[in-house]
Amino acid sequence: MSAFLVNSVYFGVFLTLVSYAVGIAVNRKTHFFLFSPLIVSIVLCIAALMALKIPYEIYASGANFISCLLTPATVCLAIPLYEQVEKLKENWLAVLAGILCGVAVNLLLIFLLCLAFGIGHTEYVSLLGKSITTAIALGITEELHGIVPVIVVMVVLTGNLGNLFAVQICRVFRITDPVAKGVAIGTSSHALGTSKAVEIGEVEGAMSGLSIGIAGILTVILAPVFAGLI
């Protein structure tokens, strides 16, 4: 059976879709925020690969088709933004300032924590792109001669944490304005966080989708500056 799955070009796609479907079912049944479909599907995929002793490379080669859909899916986030363009016009300065502050604080915290824990330059620059979308984060890390596997893990971890805890964090800090919620989520946890923002509301989803792009551009500009600090 294991040999059959290894040789199947559809195994990766099948496992991904089935595990995500199970994740959705579990989330709807329990309504518990930690049972996010993303988290459940990741756990199920890892468990299946370990149980069947299938190398990750085999799974990734089959699931590559789904990965190719990431870019057009991200572009589709422009649709809710277009629908909320009047809201953007009313709050453009606050939105831009919020994204700029979010990016600056993220980079500053990474710098201070790496300085405090004595983390080396290579590892430090491998963390600078953790809050932006994968494609841009990979480009920045390669340009700064960082460690690509590290930034991949950090981007996934950051996005999943945003997806899991966005609602709770907004509640703790009493962030109630839809625009502020969207900007905060999109700036800090890219596309995975944005998927949660879309669930929260149309305005939140639109602002979060906008924040992904602008945060990515600002990080590209500011990351090389911060990279020279350590």
C-alpha atoms as a PDB file:
ATOM      1  CA  MET A   1       0.000   0.000   0.000  1.00  0.00           C
ATOM      2  CA  SER A   2       2.805   2.387   0.940  1.00  0.00           C
ATOM      3  CA  ALA A   3       4.562   1.719  -2.373  1.00  0.00           C
ATOM      4  CA  PHE A   4       1.332   2.389  -4.273  1.00  0.00           C
ATOM      5  CA  LEU A   5       0.838   5.734  -2.508  1.00  0.00           C
ATOM      6  CA  VAL A   6       4.457   6.733  -3.080  1.00  0.00           C
ATOM      7  CA  ASN A   7       4.092   6.129  -6.821  1.00  0.00           C
ATOM      8  CA  SER A   8       0.774   7.959  -7.076  1.00  0.00           C
ATOM      9  CA  VAL A   9       0.987  11.526  -8.366  1.00  0.00           C
ATOM     10  CA  TYR A  10      -2.366  12.261  -6.708  1.00  0.00           C
ATOM     11  CA  PHE A  11      -1.453  11.185  -3.185  1.00  0.00           C
ATOM     12  CA  GLY A  12      -0.354  14.617  -1.999  1.00  0.00           C
ATOM     13  CA  VAL A  13      -3.486  16.340  -3.307  1.00  0.00           C
ATOM     14  CA  PHE A  14      -5.757  13.609  -1.923  1.00  0.00           C
ATOM     15  CA  LEU A  15      -4.198  13.680   1.553  1.00  0.00           C
ATOM     16  CA  THR A  16      -4.298  17.479   1.706  1.00  0.00           C
ATOM     17  CA  LEU A  17      -7.930  17.791   0.656  1.00  0.00           C
ATOM     18  CA  VAL A  18      -9.166  14.930   2.854  1.00  0.00           C
ATOM     19  CA  SER A  19      -7.304  16.175   5.936  1.00  0.00           C
ATOM     20  CA  TYR A  20      -8.627  19.699   5.442  1.00  0.00           C
ATOM     21  CA  ALA A  21     -12.175  18.395   5.000  1.00  0.00           C
ATOM     22  CA  VAL A  22     -11.801  16.488   8.268  1.00  0.00           C
ATOM     23  CA  GLY A  23     -10.479  19.672   9.878  1.00  0.00           C
ATOM     24  CA  ILE A  24     -13.549  21.619   8.764  1.00  0.00           C
ATOM     25  CA  ALA A  25     -15.852  18.894  10.098  1.00  0.00           C
ATOM     26  CA  VAL A  26     -14.044  18.823  13.467  1.00  0.00           C
ATOM     27  CA  ASN A  27     -14.135  22.619  13.743  1.00  0.00           C
ATOM     28  CA  ARG A  28     -17.851  22.780  12.983  1.00  0.00           C
ATOM     29  CA  LYS A  29     -18.578  19.975  15.428  1.00  0.00           C
ATOM     30  CA  THR A  30     -16.558  21.315  18.354  1.00  0.00           C
ATOM     31  CA  HIS A  31     -16.563  25.094  17.695  1.00  0.00           C
ATOM     32  CA  PHE A  32     -13.245  25.165  19.587  1.00  0.00           C
ATOM     33  CA  PHE A  33     -10.812  27.738  18.215  1.00  0.00           C
ATOM     34  CA  LEU A  34      -7.754  25.516  18.691  1.00  0.00           C
ATOM     35  CA  PHE A  35      -9.303  22.983  16.319  1.00  0.00           C
ATOM     36  CA  SER A  36      -8.737  25.237  13.326  1.00  0.00           C
ATOM     37  CA  PRO A  37      -9.087  23.373  10.004  1.00  0.00           C
ATOM     38  CA  LEU A  38      -5.532  24.435   9.149  1.00  0.00           C
ATOM     39  CA  ILE A  39      -4.061  23.030  12.362  1.00  0.00           C
ATOM     40  CA  VAL A  40      -6.085  19.822  12.197  1.00  0.00           C
ATOM     41  CA  SER A  41      -5.110  19.210   8.571  1.00  0.00           C
ATOM     42  CA  ILE A  42      -1.402  19.808   9.297  1.00  0.00           C
ATOM     43  CA  VAL A  43      -1.476  17.353  12.220  1.00  0.00           C
ATOM     44  CA  LEU A  44      -3.326  14.738  10.168  1.00  0.00           C
ATOM     45  CA  CYS A  45      -0.929  15.089   7.233  1.00  0.00           C
ATOM     46  CA  ILE A  46       2.114  14.681   9.486  1.00  0.00           C
ATOM     47  CA  ALA A  47       0.553  11.687  11.248  1.00  0.00           C
ATOM     48  CA  ALA A  48      -0.325  10.016   7.937  1.00  0.00           C
ATOM     49  CA  LEU A  49       3.168  10.508   6.492  1.00  0.00           C
ATOM     50  CA  MET A  50       4.792   9.137   9.641  1.00  0.00           C
ATOM     51  CA  ALA A  51       2.431   6.156   9.871  1.00  0.00           C
ATOM     52  CA  LEU A  52       2.896   5.220   6.208  1.00  0.00           C
ATOM     53  CA  LYS A  53       6.634   6.084   6.301  1.00  0.00           C
ATOM     54  CA  ILE A  54       6.315   8.255   3.230  1.00  0.00           C
ATOM     55  CA  PRO A  55       9.028  10.913   2.728  1.00  0.00           C
ATOM     56  CA  TYR A  56       7.869  14.512   2.792  1.00  0.00           C
ATOM     57  CA  GLU A  57       9.407  15.083  -0.658  1.00  0.00           C
ATOM     58  CA  ILE A  58       7.024  12.512  -2.148  1.00  0.00           C
ATOM     59  CA  TYR A  59       4.036  14.192  -0.532  1.00  0.00           C
ATOM     60  CA  ALA A  60       5.221  17.670  -1.597  1.00  0.00           C
ATOM     61  CA  SER A  61       5.650  16.627  -5.228  1.00  0.00           C
ATOM     62  CA  GLY A  62       2.024  15.517  -5.352  1.00  0.00           C
ATOM     63  CA  ALA A  63       0.684  18.494  -3.393  1.00  0.00           C
ATOM     64  CA  ASN A  64       2.589  20.995  -5.528  1.00  0.00           C
ATOM     65  CA  PHE A  65      -0.534  21.540  -7.627  1.00  0.00           C
ATOM     66  CA  ILE A  66      -2.315  23.026  -4.611  1.00  0.00           C
ATOM     67  CA  SER A  67       0.708  25.197  -3.806  1.00  0.00           C
ATOM     68  CA  CYS A  68       0.451  26.711  -7.282  1.00  0.00           C
ATOM     69  CA  LEU A  69      -3.007  27.994  -6.374  1.00  0.00           C
ATOM     70  CA  LEU A  70      -1.622  30.123  -3.509  1.00  0.00           C
ATOM     71  CA  THR A  71      -0.749  33.102  -5.721  1.00  0.00           C
ATOM     72  CA  PRO A  72      -4.115  33.373  -7.519  1.00  0.00           C
ATOM     73  CA  ALA A  73      -5.885  32.826  -4.189  1.00  0.00           C
ATOM     74  CA  THR A  74      -3.957  35.749  -2.711  1.00  0.00           C
ATOM     75  CA  VAL A  75      -4.796  37.912  -5.733  1.00  0.00           C
ATOM     76  CA  CYS A  76      -8.477  37.094  -5.207  1.00  0.00           C
ATOM     77  CA  LEU A  77      -8.272  38.947  -1.898  1.00  0.00           C
ATOM     78  CA  ALA A  78      -8.475  42.113  -4.014  1.00  0.00           C
ATOM     79  CA  ILE A  79     -12.165  41.395  -4.622  1.00  0.00           C
ATOM     80  CA  PRO A  80     -13.384  42.157  -1.071  1.00  0.00           C
ATOM     81  CA  LEU A  81     -11.049  45.186  -1.045  1.00  0.00           C
ATOM     82  CA  TYR A  82     -12.721  46.506  -4.195  1.00  0.00           C
ATOM     83  CA  GLU A  83     -16.099  46.046  -2.540  1.00  0.00           C
ATOM     84  CA  GLN A  84     -14.911  48.080   0.460  1.00  0.00           C
ATOM     85  CA  VAL A  85     -13.071  50.780  -1.489  1.00  0.00           C
ATOM     86  CA  GLU A  86     -15.163  53.582   0.041  1.00  0.00           C
ATOM     87  CA  LYS A  87     -14.191  52.433   3.530  1.00  0.00           C
ATOM     88  CA  LEU A  88     -10.559  52.483   2.402  1.00  0.00           C
ATOM     89  CA  LYS A  89     -10.868  56.035   1.065  1.00  0.00           C
ATOM     90  CA  GLU A  90     -12.274  57.190   4.394  1.00  0.00           C
ATOM     91  CA  ASN A  91      -9.482  55.599   6.428  1.00  0.00           C
ATOM     92  CA  TRP A  92      -6.479  55.470   4.066  1.00  0.00           C
ATOM     93  CA  LEU A  93      -4.165  57.452   6.335  1.00  0.00           C
ATOM     94  CA  ALA A  94      -4.992  55.378   9.418  1.00  0.00           C
ATOM     95  CA  VAL A  95      -4.615  52.165   7.416  1.00  0.00           C
ATOM     96  CA  LEU A  96      -1.210  53.163   6.031  1.00  0.00           C
ATOM     97  CA  ALA A  97       0.018  54.361   9.432  1.00  0.00           C
ATOM     98  CA  GLY A  98      -1.202  51.167  11.099  1.00  0.00           C
ATOM     99  CA  ILE A  99       0.579  48.924   8.616  1.00  0.00           C
ATOM    100  CA  LEU A 100       3.797  50.949   8.864  1.00  0.00           C
ATOM    101  CA  CYS A 101       3.730  50.773  12.670  1.00  0.00           C
ATOM    102  CA  GLY A 102       3.019  47.044  12.573  1.00  0.00           C
ATOM    103  CA  VAL A 103       5.936  46.311  10.252  1.00  0.00           C
ATOM    104  CA  ALA A 104       8.328  48.560  12.209  1.00  0.00           C
ATOM    105  CA  VAL A 105       7.369  47.049  15.575  1.00  0.00           C
ATOM    106  CA  ASN A 106       7.707  43.516  14.197  1.00  0.00           C
ATOM    107  CA  LEU A 107      11.231  44.158  12.903  1.00  0.00           C
ATOM    108  CA  LEU A 108      12.229  46.012  16.059  1.00  0.00           C
ATOM    109  CA  LEU A 109      11.047  43.195  18.329  1.00  0.00           C
ATOM    110  CA  ILE A 110      12.936  40.621  16.273  1.00  0.00           C
ATOM    111  CA  PHE A 111      16.081  42.750  16.560  1.00  0.00           C
ATOM    112  CA  LEU A 112      15.737  43.241  20.318  1.00  0.00           C
ATOM    113  CA  LEU A 113      14.982  39.577  21.046  1.00  0.00           C
ATOM    114  CA  CYS A 114      17.850  38.328  18.886  1.00  0.00           C
ATOM    115  CA  LEU A 115      20.141  40.828  20.585  1.00  0.00           C
ATOM    116  CA  ALA A 116      18.968  39.732  24.033  1.00  0.00           C
ATOM    117  CA  PHE A 117      19.444  36.016  23.298  1.00  0.00           C
ATOM    118  CA  GLY A 118      22.716  36.411  21.402  1.00  0.00           C
ATOM    119  CA  ILE A 119      21.362  35.036  18.122  1.00  0.00           C
ATOM    120  CA  GLY A 120      23.780  35.244  15.200  1.00  0.00           C
ATOM    121  CA  HIS A 121      23.395  37.302  12.031  1.00  0.00           C
ATOM    122  CA  THR A 122      22.366  34.418   9.751  1.00  0.00           C
ATOM    123  CA  GLU A 123      19.593  33.261  12.062  1.00  0.00           C
ATOM    124  CA  TYR A 124      18.545  36.871  12.712  1.00  0.00           C
ATOM    125  CA  VAL A 125      17.994  37.741   9.031  1.00  0.00           C
ATOM    126  CA  SER A 126      16.137  34.432   8.656  1.00  0.00           C
ATOM    127  CA  LEU A 127      13.425  35.762  10.984  1.00  0.00           C
ATOM    128  CA  LEU A 128      12.848  39.229   9.532  1.00  0.00           C
ATOM    129  CA  GLY A 129      10.241  38.085   6.998  1.00  0.00           C
ATOM    130  CA  LYS A 130       8.166  35.925   9.338  1.00  0.00           C
ATOM    131  CA  SER A 131       5.026  38.102   9.206  1.00  0.00           C
ATOM    132  CA  ILE A 132       4.719  38.502   5.434  1.00  0.00           C
ATOM    133  CA  THR A 133       3.512  36.175   2.721  1.00  0.00           C
ATOM    134  CA  THR A 134       5.755  33.230   1.833  1.00  0.00           C
ATOM    135  CA  ALA A 135       6.792  34.320  -1.664  1.00  0.00           C
ATOM    136  CA  ILE A 136       8.124  37.687  -0.465  1.00  0.00           C
ATOM    137  CA  ALA A 137       9.628  36.220   2.720  1.00  0.00           C
ATOM    138  CA  LEU A 138      11.628  33.687   0.710  1.00  0.00           C
ATOM    139  CA  GLY A 139      12.947  36.394  -1.592  1.00  0.00           C
ATOM    140  CA  ILE A 140      14.059  38.595   1.304  1.00  0.00           C
ATOM    141  CA  THR A 141      15.716  35.694   3.135  1.00  0.00           C
ATOM    142  CA  GLU A 142      17.646  34.589   0.069  1.00  0.00           C
ATOM    143  CA  GLU A 143      18.732  38.160  -0.645  1.00  0.00           C
ATOM    144  CA  LEU A 144      20.002  38.567   2.917  1.00  0.00           C
ATOM    145  CA  HIS A 145      21.696  35.126   2.826  1.00  0.00           C
ATOM    146  CA  GLY A 146      19.479  33.683   5.542  1.00  0.00           C
ATOM    147  CA  ILE A 147      18.329  30.096   6.105  1.00  0.00           C
ATOM    148  CA  VAL A 148      15.340  29.311   3.878  1.00  0.00           C
ATOM    149  CA  PRO A 149      13.914  26.373   5.935  1.00  0.00           C
ATOM    150  CA  VAL A 150      13.891  28.610   9.020  1.00  0.00           C
ATOM    151  CA  ILE A 151      11.829  31.358   7.381  1.00  0.00           C
ATOM    152  CA  VAL A 152       9.420  28.782   5.908  1.00  0.00           C
ATOM    153  CA  VAL A 153       8.727  27.347   9.357  1.00  0.00           C
ATOM    154  CA  MET A 154       8.402  30.805  10.916  1.00  0.00           C
ATOM    155  CA  VAL A 155       5.987  32.051   8.250  1.00  0.00           C
ATOM    156  CA  VAL A 156       3.769  28.993   8.718  1.00  0.00           C
ATOM    157  CA  LEU A 157       3.945  29.275  12.520  1.00  0.00           C
ATOM    158  CA  THR A 158       3.178  33.001  12.508  1.00  0.00           C
ATOM    159  CA  GLY A 159       0.257  32.586  10.141  1.00  0.00           C
ATOM    160  CA  ASN A 160      -1.270  29.744  12.115  1.00  0.00           C
ATOM    161  CA  LEU A 161      -0.930  31.618  15.403  1.00  0.00           C
ATOM    162  CA  GLY A 162      -2.667  34.594  13.833  1.00  0.00           C
ATOM    163  CA  ASN A 163      -5.404  32.368  12.481  1.00  0.00           C
ATOM    164  CA  LEU A 164      -5.903  30.736  15.878  1.00  0.00           C
ATOM    165  CA  PHE A 165      -5.682  33.688  18.242  1.00  0.00           C
ATOM    166  CA  ALA A 166      -6.677  36.768  16.210  1.00  0.00           C
ATOM    167  CA  VAL A 167     -10.177  36.944  17.665  1.00  0.00           C
ATOM    168  CA  GLN A 168      -8.991  36.412  21.240  1.00  0.00           C
ATOM    169  CA  ILE A 169      -6.193  38.992  20.978  1.00  0.00           C
ATOM    170  CA  CYS A 170      -8.547  41.619  19.549  1.00  0.00           C
ATOM    171  CA  ARG A 171     -10.930  40.906  22.411  1.00  0.00           C
ATOM    172  CA  VAL A 172      -8.204  41.170  25.071  1.00  0.00           C
ATOM    173  CA  PHE A 173      -6.960  44.514  23.744  1.00  0.00           C
ATOM    174  CA  ARG A 174     -10.518  45.723  23.073  1.00  0.00           C
ATOM    175  CA  ILE A 175      -9.975  46.273  19.361  1.00  0.00           C
ATOM    176  CA  THR A 176     -13.499  46.616  18.032  1.00  0.00           C
ATOM    177  CA  ASP A 177     -13.146  48.738  14.891  1.00  0.00           C
ATOM    178  CA  PRO A 178     -13.367  46.488  11.780  1.00  0.00           C
ATOM    179  CA  VAL A 179     -10.667  48.439   9.919  1.00  0.00           C
ATOM    180  CA  ALA A 180      -8.252  48.225  12.866  1.00  0.00           C
ATOM    181  CA  LYS A 181      -8.897  44.477  13.208  1.00  0.00           C
ATOM    182  CA  GLY A 182      -8.196  43.841   9.542  1.00  0.00           C
ATOM    183  CA  VAL A 183      -5.005  45.900   9.482  1.00  0.00           C
ATOM    184  CA  ALA A 184      -3.674  44.240  12.629  1.00  0.00           C
ATOM    185  CA  ILE A 185      -4.393  40.708  11.422  1.00  0.00           C
ATOM    186  CA  GLY A 186      -3.101  41.150   7.877  1.00  0.00           C
ATOM    187  CA  THR A 187       0.059  42.966   8.931  1.00  0.00           C
ATOM    188  CA  SER A 188       1.012  40.431  11.574  1.00  0.00           C
ATOM    189  CA  SER A 189      -0.049  37.086  10.093  1.00  0.00           C
ATOM    190  CA  HIS A 190      -0.326  37.416   6.275  1.00  0.00           C
ATOM    191  CA  ALA A 191      -2.657  35.117   4.285  1.00  0.00           C
ATOM    192  CA  LEU A 192      -3.405  32.564   6.999  1.00  0.00           C
ATOM    193  CA  GLY A 193      -4.476  35.326   9.360  1.00  0.00           C
ATOM    194  CA  THR A 194      -6.450  36.941   6.552  1.00  0.00           C
ATOM    195  CA  SER A 195      -8.493  33.780   6.121  1.00  0.00           C
ATOM    196  CA  LYS A 196      -9.661  34.299   9.696  1.00  0.00           C
ATOM    197  CA  ALA A 197     -10.281  38.005   9.062  1.00  0.00           C
ATOM    198  CA  VAL A 198     -12.548  37.069   6.133  1.00  0.00           C
ATOM    199  CA  GLU A 199     -14.543  34.853   8.507  1.00  0.00           C
ATOM    200  CA  ILE A 200     -14.873  37.729  10.994  1.00  0.00           C
ATOM    201  CA  GLY A 201     -16.331  40.191   8.497  1.00  0.00           C
ATOM    202  CA  GLU A 202     -16.160  41.744   5.020  1.00  0.00           C
ATOM    203  CA  VAL A 203     -14.376  44.917   6.132  1.00  0.00           C
ATOM    204  CA  GLU A 204     -11.877  42.977   8.241  1.00  0.00           C
ATOM    205  CA  GLY A 205     -11.120  40.656   5.318  1.00  0.00           C
ATOM    206  CA  ALA A 206     -10.689  43.515   2.845  1.00  0.00           C
ATOM    207  CA  MET A 207      -8.350  45.511   5.086  1.00  0.00           C
ATOM    208  CA  SER A 208      -6.369  42.413   5.992  1.00  0.00           C
ATOM    209  CA  GLY A 209      -5.913  41.505   2.324  1.00  0.00           C
ATOM    210  CA  LEU A 210      -4.669  45.027   1.580  1.00  0.00           C
ATOM    211  CA  SER A 211      -2.277  44.865   4.537  1.00  0.00           C
ATOM    212  CA  ILE A 212      -0.573  41.743   3.160  1.00  0.00           C
ATOM    213  CA  GLY A 213       0.661  43.567   0.079  1.00  0.00           C
ATOM    214  CA  ILE A 214       1.660  46.824   1.738  1.00  0.00           C
ATOM    215  CA  ALA A 215       3.334  45.056   4.668  1.00  0.00           C
ATOM    216  CA  GLY A 216       5.301  42.961   2.190  1.00  0.00           C
ATOM    217  CA  ILE A 217       6.528  46.057   0.316  1.00  0.00           C
ATOM    218  CA  LEU A 218       7.467  47.890   3.520  1.00  0.00           C
ATOM    219  CA  THR A 219       9.305  44.832   4.832  1.00  0.00           C
ATOM    220  CA  VAL A 220      11.289  44.585   1.597  1.00  0.00           C
ATOM    221  CA  ILE A 221      12.364  48.207   2.117  1.00  0.00           C
ATOM    222  CA  LEU A 222      13.064  48.047   5.868  1.00  0.00           C
ATOM    223  CA  ALA A 223      14.482  44.525   6.290  1.00  0.00           C
ATOM    224  CA  PRO A 224      17.882  45.301   4.707  1.00  0.00           C
ATOM    225  CA  VAL A 225      18.182  48.290   7.063  1.00  0.00           C
ATOM    226  CA  PHE A 226      17.496  46.144  10.136  1.00  0.00           C
ATOM    227  CA  ALA A 227      19.708  43.335   8.763  1.00  0.00           C
ATOM    228  CA  GLY A 228      22.742  45.584   9.204  1.00  0.00           C
ATOM    229  CA  LEU A 229      22.096  46.080  12.922  1.00  0.00           C
ATOM    230  CA  ILE A 230      23.439  42.643  13.931  1.00  0.00           C
END
